[in-house]
Amino acid sequence: MAITSKQRSQLRGLAAAEDTIIQVGKGGITDNLIASVNAALKARELVKGKVLESCELSPREVCDALSEACGAEQVQVIGTKFVLFKRNAREPKIALVKDKKKA
């Protein structure tokens, strides 16, 4: 499910109030990191992460790799921070705005 620009904007606003719960450091992207991101996405749907200076990957590369590994949507990458979103199919917590189509 691809998110629209209006939905992405809504998620960026929600992410501003969120705490950074994922940190990627010298170890890079490991199986444990992917498992913890999956668990956080299942519980919260929207997670904010930070790439530390000791990481060899850029924030964009980390966001790309984690979104692919977790099946999540990339919301934004700014500086060293990134935001991922994945809808919880059983218990959705975030109601996304509907896109109005013009006829």
N, C-alpha and C. Protein backbone atom coordinates (compact mmCIF):
# COMPACT_ATOMS: atom_id res chain seq x y z
N MET A 1 0.84 -1.18 0.00
CA MET A 1 0.00 0.00 0.00
C MET A 1 0.88 1.24 0.00
N ALA A 2 0.82 2.01 -1.05
CA ALA A 2 1.58 3.25 -1.12
C ALA A 2 0.77 4.37 -0.48
N ILE A 3 1.45 5.22 0.25
CA ILE A 3 0.75 6.33 0.88
C ILE A 3 0.83 7.56 -0.01
N THR A 4 -0.21 8.38 0.04
CA THR A 4 -0.27 9.58 -0.78
C THR A 4 0.50 10.71 -0.11
N SER A 5 0.67 11.80 -0.82
CA SER A 5 1.41 12.94 -0.27
C SER A 5 0.67 13.56 0.91
N LYS A 6 -0.66 13.57 0.87
CA LYS A 6 -1.44 14.11 2.00
C LYS A 6 -1.26 13.22 3.23
N GLN A 7 -1.27 11.92 3.04
CA GLN A 7 -1.07 10.99 4.15
C GLN A 7 0.35 11.11 4.69
N ARG A 8 1.32 11.27 3.80
CA ARG A 8 2.71 11.43 4.21
C ARG A 8 2.86 12.70 5.06
N SER A 9 2.19 13.76 4.64
CA SER A 9 2.21 15.01 5.40
C SER A 9 1.60 14.83 6.78
N GLN A 10 0.49 14.11 6.84
CA GLN A 10 -0.16 13.82 8.13
C GLN A 10 0.78 13.03 9.04
N LEU A 11 1.45 12.03 8.49
CA LEU A 11 2.36 11.20 9.28
C LEU A 11 3.58 11.98 9.74
N ARG A 12 4.07 12.91 8.91
CA ARG A 12 5.19 13.75 9.34
C ARG A 12 4.80 14.59 10.54
N GLY A 13 3.58 15.12 10.54
CA GLY A 13 3.10 15.89 11.68
C GLY A 13 3.00 15.06 12.94
N LEU A 14 2.51 13.82 12.81
CA LEU A 14 2.40 12.93 13.96
C LEU A 14 3.79 12.53 14.47
N ALA A 15 4.73 12.36 13.55
CA ALA A 15 6.08 11.92 13.93
C ALA A 15 6.84 13.01 14.69
N ALA A 16 6.47 14.26 14.48
CA ALA A 16 7.17 15.36 15.16
C ALA A 16 7.05 15.23 16.68
N ALA A 17 5.92 14.69 17.15
CA ALA A 17 5.71 14.55 18.59
C ALA A 17 6.26 13.23 19.14
N GLU A 18 6.66 12.33 18.27
CA GLU A 18 7.16 11.01 18.69
C GLU A 18 8.60 11.09 19.18
N ASP A 19 8.94 10.20 20.09
CA ASP A 19 10.33 10.08 20.54
C ASP A 19 11.10 9.18 19.58
N THR A 20 12.40 9.40 19.49
CA THR A 20 13.27 8.55 18.68
C THR A 20 13.51 7.26 19.45
N ILE A 21 13.05 6.13 18.91
CA ILE A 21 13.17 4.86 19.64
C ILE A 21 14.15 3.89 18.99
N ILE A 22 14.57 4.17 17.74
CA ILE A 22 15.50 3.29 17.04
C ILE A 22 16.81 4.04 16.85
N GLN A 23 17.93 3.40 17.19
CA GLN A 23 19.24 3.99 16.94
C GLN A 23 20.09 2.99 16.18
N VAL A 24 20.66 3.45 15.08
CA VAL A 24 21.52 2.60 14.27
C VAL A 24 22.94 3.12 14.43
N GLY A 25 23.82 2.26 14.92
CA GLY A 25 25.19 2.67 15.19
C GLY A 25 26.21 1.91 14.38
N LYS A 26 27.34 1.65 15.00
CA LYS A 26 28.49 1.03 14.35
C LYS A 26 28.16 -0.35 13.78
N GLY A 27 27.27 -1.08 14.45
CA GLY A 27 26.92 -2.42 14.00
C GLY A 27 26.10 -2.44 12.72
N GLY A 28 25.53 -1.30 12.33
CA GLY A 28 24.72 -1.23 11.12
C GLY A 28 23.38 -1.93 11.29
N ILE A 29 22.89 -2.50 10.21
CA ILE A 29 21.58 -3.15 10.23
C ILE A 29 21.78 -4.64 10.49
N THR A 30 21.32 -5.08 11.66
CA THR A 30 21.45 -6.48 12.06
C THR A 30 20.08 -7.12 12.14
N ASP A 31 20.06 -8.44 12.32
CA ASP A 31 18.78 -9.15 12.46
C ASP A 31 18.04 -8.67 13.71
N ASN A 32 18.79 -8.40 14.78
CA ASN A 32 18.16 -7.91 16.02
C ASN A 32 17.51 -6.55 15.80
N LEU A 33 18.18 -5.68 15.05
CA LEU A 33 17.62 -4.35 14.76
C LEU A 33 16.34 -4.49 13.95
N ILE A 34 16.35 -5.34 12.94
CA ILE A 34 15.16 -5.55 12.11
C ILE A 34 14.02 -6.10 12.95
N ALA A 35 14.32 -7.03 13.85
CA ALA A 35 13.28 -7.59 14.72
C ALA A 35 12.70 -6.53 15.64
N SER A 36 13.55 -5.67 16.19
CA SER A 36 13.03 -4.63 17.09
C SER A 36 12.23 -3.58 16.33
N VAL A 37 12.63 -3.26 15.10
CA VAL A 37 11.86 -2.32 14.28
C VAL A 37 10.50 -2.92 13.93
N ASN A 38 10.48 -4.21 13.58
CA ASN A 38 9.20 -4.88 13.30
C ASN A 38 8.29 -4.85 14.51
N ALA A 39 8.83 -5.13 15.69
CA ALA A 39 8.02 -5.11 16.92
C ALA A 39 7.49 -3.71 17.21
N ALA A 40 8.34 -2.70 17.01
CA ALA A 40 7.91 -1.32 17.25
C ALA A 40 6.84 -0.89 16.25
N LEU A 41 7.00 -1.30 14.99
CA LEU A 41 5.99 -0.96 13.98
C LEU A 41 4.66 -1.63 14.28
N LYS A 42 4.71 -2.86 14.76
CA LYS A 42 3.47 -3.57 15.09
C LYS A 42 2.76 -2.89 16.26
N ALA A 43 3.53 -2.43 17.25
CA ALA A 43 2.93 -1.80 18.43
C ALA A 43 2.50 -0.36 18.17
N ARG A 44 3.28 0.38 17.39
CA ARG A 44 3.03 1.82 17.24
C ARG A 44 2.57 2.26 15.86
N GLU A 45 2.91 1.53 14.82
CA GLU A 45 2.67 1.85 13.42
C GLU A 45 3.61 2.93 12.87
N LEU A 46 4.05 3.86 13.71
CA LEU A 46 4.90 4.95 13.26
C LEU A 46 6.12 5.00 14.18
N VAL A 47 7.31 4.84 13.61
CA VAL A 47 8.53 4.88 14.43
C VAL A 47 9.53 5.87 13.86
N LYS A 48 10.25 6.49 14.77
CA LYS A 48 11.29 7.45 14.40
C LYS A 48 12.63 6.87 14.81
N GLY A 49 13.60 6.96 13.92
CA GLY A 49 14.92 6.44 14.21
C GLY A 49 16.01 7.45 13.93
N LYS A 50 17.20 7.17 14.46
CA LYS A 50 18.34 8.05 14.28
C LYS A 50 19.55 7.21 13.88
N VAL A 51 20.33 7.74 12.96
CA VAL A 51 21.56 7.09 12.54
C VAL A 51 22.71 7.83 13.21
N LEU A 52 23.48 7.10 14.02
CA LEU A 52 24.59 7.71 14.75
C LEU A 52 25.79 7.93 13.82
N GLU A 53 26.69 8.81 14.22
CA GLU A 53 27.87 9.13 13.39
C GLU A 53 28.77 7.92 13.17
N SER A 54 28.75 6.97 14.09
CA SER A 54 29.61 5.80 13.97
C SER A 54 29.13 4.81 12.90
N CYS A 55 27.93 4.99 12.39
CA CYS A 55 27.38 4.10 11.36
C CYS A 55 28.01 4.42 10.01
N GLU A 56 28.34 3.37 9.26
CA GLU A 56 28.96 3.57 7.95
C GLU A 56 27.94 3.90 6.86
N LEU A 57 26.67 3.62 7.12
CA LEU A 57 25.61 3.88 6.15
C LEU A 57 25.03 5.28 6.33
N SER A 58 24.51 5.85 5.25
CA SER A 58 23.84 7.14 5.35
C SER A 58 22.42 6.92 5.88
N PRO A 59 21.80 7.96 6.43
CA PRO A 59 20.41 7.81 6.90
C PRO A 59 19.46 7.32 5.80
N ARG A 60 19.66 7.77 4.56
CA ARG A 60 18.80 7.34 3.44
C ARG A 60 18.98 5.84 3.20
N GLU A 61 20.23 5.36 3.23
CA GLU A 61 20.49 3.93 3.01
C GLU A 61 19.88 3.09 4.13
N VAL A 62 19.97 3.55 5.37
CA VAL A 62 19.39 2.84 6.50
C VAL A 62 17.88 2.78 6.36
N CYS A 63 17.26 3.91 6.01
CA CYS A 63 15.81 3.97 5.85
C CYS A 63 15.35 3.04 4.73
N ASP A 64 16.07 3.06 3.60
CA ASP A 64 15.73 2.18 2.48
C ASP A 64 15.81 0.71 2.88
N ALA A 65 16.89 0.34 3.55
CA ALA A 65 17.10 -1.06 3.93
C ALA A 65 16.07 -1.53 4.95
N LEU A 66 15.79 -0.69 5.96
CA LEU A 66 14.82 -1.08 6.99
C LEU A 66 13.40 -1.14 6.42
N SER A 67 13.04 -0.19 5.55
CA SER A 67 11.69 -0.21 4.99
C SER A 67 11.48 -1.45 4.13
N GLU A 68 12.51 -1.86 3.40
CA GLU A 68 12.39 -3.06 2.58
C GLU A 68 12.34 -4.32 3.46
N ALA A 69 13.19 -4.38 4.47
CA ALA A 69 13.24 -5.56 5.34
C ALA A 69 11.96 -5.72 6.16
N CYS A 70 11.33 -4.62 6.52
CA CYS A 70 10.15 -4.66 7.38
C CYS A 70 8.84 -4.52 6.60
N GLY A 71 8.92 -4.20 5.32
CA GLY A 71 7.71 -3.98 4.53
C GLY A 71 6.99 -2.70 4.94
N ALA A 72 7.76 -1.69 5.33
CA ALA A 72 7.18 -0.43 5.81
C ALA A 72 7.32 0.66 4.75
N GLU A 73 6.54 1.71 4.94
CA GLU A 73 6.60 2.88 4.07
C GLU A 73 7.58 3.90 4.65
N GLN A 74 8.36 4.52 3.79
CA GLN A 74 9.24 5.60 4.24
C GLN A 74 8.42 6.89 4.29
N VAL A 75 8.45 7.54 5.44
CA VAL A 75 7.72 8.79 5.57
C VAL A 75 8.66 9.96 5.27
N GLN A 76 9.81 9.99 5.94
CA GLN A 76 10.77 11.07 5.67
C GLN A 76 12.15 10.71 6.19
N VAL A 77 13.14 11.38 5.61
CA VAL A 77 14.51 11.32 6.09
C VAL A 77 15.00 12.76 6.15
N ILE A 78 15.34 13.22 7.36
CA ILE A 78 15.86 14.57 7.53
C ILE A 78 17.10 14.50 8.41
N GLY A 79 18.21 14.98 7.89
CA GLY A 79 19.46 14.94 8.66
C GLY A 79 19.82 13.51 9.01
N THR A 80 19.93 13.23 10.30
CA THR A 80 20.28 11.88 10.74
C THR A 80 19.05 11.08 11.16
N LYS A 81 17.87 11.66 11.06
CA LYS A 81 16.65 10.98 11.51
C LYS A 81 15.80 10.50 10.34
N PHE A 82 15.06 9.43 10.61
CA PHE A 82 14.14 8.88 9.60
C PHE A 82 12.88 8.42 10.29
N VAL A 83 11.80 8.33 9.49
CA VAL A 83 10.50 7.91 10.02
C VAL A 83 9.94 6.82 9.11
N LEU A 84 9.46 5.73 9.73
CA LEU A 84 8.84 4.63 9.00
C LEU A 84 7.41 4.43 9.47
N PHE A 85 6.54 3.96 8.56
CA PHE A 85 5.14 3.70 8.89
C PHE A 85 4.75 2.35 8.31
N LYS A 86 4.03 1.57 9.13
CA LYS A 86 3.46 0.31 8.64
C LYS A 86 2.14 0.09 9.36
N ARG A 87 1.06 -0.01 8.59
CA ARG A 87 -0.26 -0.18 9.16
C ARG A 87 -0.38 -1.55 9.80
N ASN A 88 -0.94 -1.56 11.02
CA ASN A 88 -1.23 -2.81 11.72
C ASN A 88 -2.59 -3.28 11.20
N ALA A 89 -2.61 -4.39 10.47
CA ALA A 89 -3.84 -4.85 9.81
C ALA A 89 -4.92 -5.24 10.82
N ARG A 90 -4.54 -5.77 11.96
CA ARG A 90 -5.53 -6.22 12.95
C ARG A 90 -6.06 -5.09 13.81
N GLU A 91 -5.18 -4.24 14.28
CA GLU A 91 -5.58 -3.15 15.18
C GLU A 91 -4.97 -1.83 14.72
N PRO A 92 -5.54 -1.19 13.68
CA PRO A 92 -4.98 0.09 13.22
C PRO A 92 -5.10 1.16 14.31
N LYS A 93 -4.02 1.88 14.53
CA LYS A 93 -4.01 2.93 15.55
C LYS A 93 -4.07 4.32 14.95
N ILE A 94 -3.59 4.47 13.72
CA ILE A 94 -3.56 5.77 13.06
C ILE A 94 -4.56 5.75 11.90
N ALA A 95 -5.49 6.70 11.92
CA ALA A 95 -6.46 6.83 10.83
C ALA A 95 -5.89 7.81 9.81
N LEU A 96 -5.56 7.30 8.64
CA LEU A 96 -5.01 8.15 7.59
C LEU A 96 -6.12 8.92 6.89
N VAL A 97 -5.79 10.14 6.43
CA VAL A 97 -6.77 10.94 5.70
C VAL A 97 -7.04 10.27 4.36
N LYS A 98 -8.26 10.40 3.90
CA LYS A 98 -8.63 9.85 2.59
C LYS A 98 -8.26 10.86 1.51
N ASP A 99 -7.84 10.36 0.38
CA ASP A 99 -7.52 11.24 -0.74
C ASP A 99 -8.78 11.50 -1.55
N LYS A 100 -9.08 12.76 -1.78
CA LYS A 100 -10.26 13.11 -2.56
C LYS A 100 -9.88 13.16 -4.03
N LYS A 101 -10.54 12.34 -4.83
CA LYS A 101 -10.23 12.32 -6.25
C LYS A 101 -11.19 13.26 -6.98
N LYS A 102 -10.64 14.05 -7.89
CA LYS A 102 -11.45 14.98 -8.67
C LYS A 102 -11.91 14.30 -9.95
N ALA A 103 -13.15 14.52 -10.28
CA ALA A 103 -13.69 13.89 -11.50
C ALA A 103 -13.56 14.79 -12.68
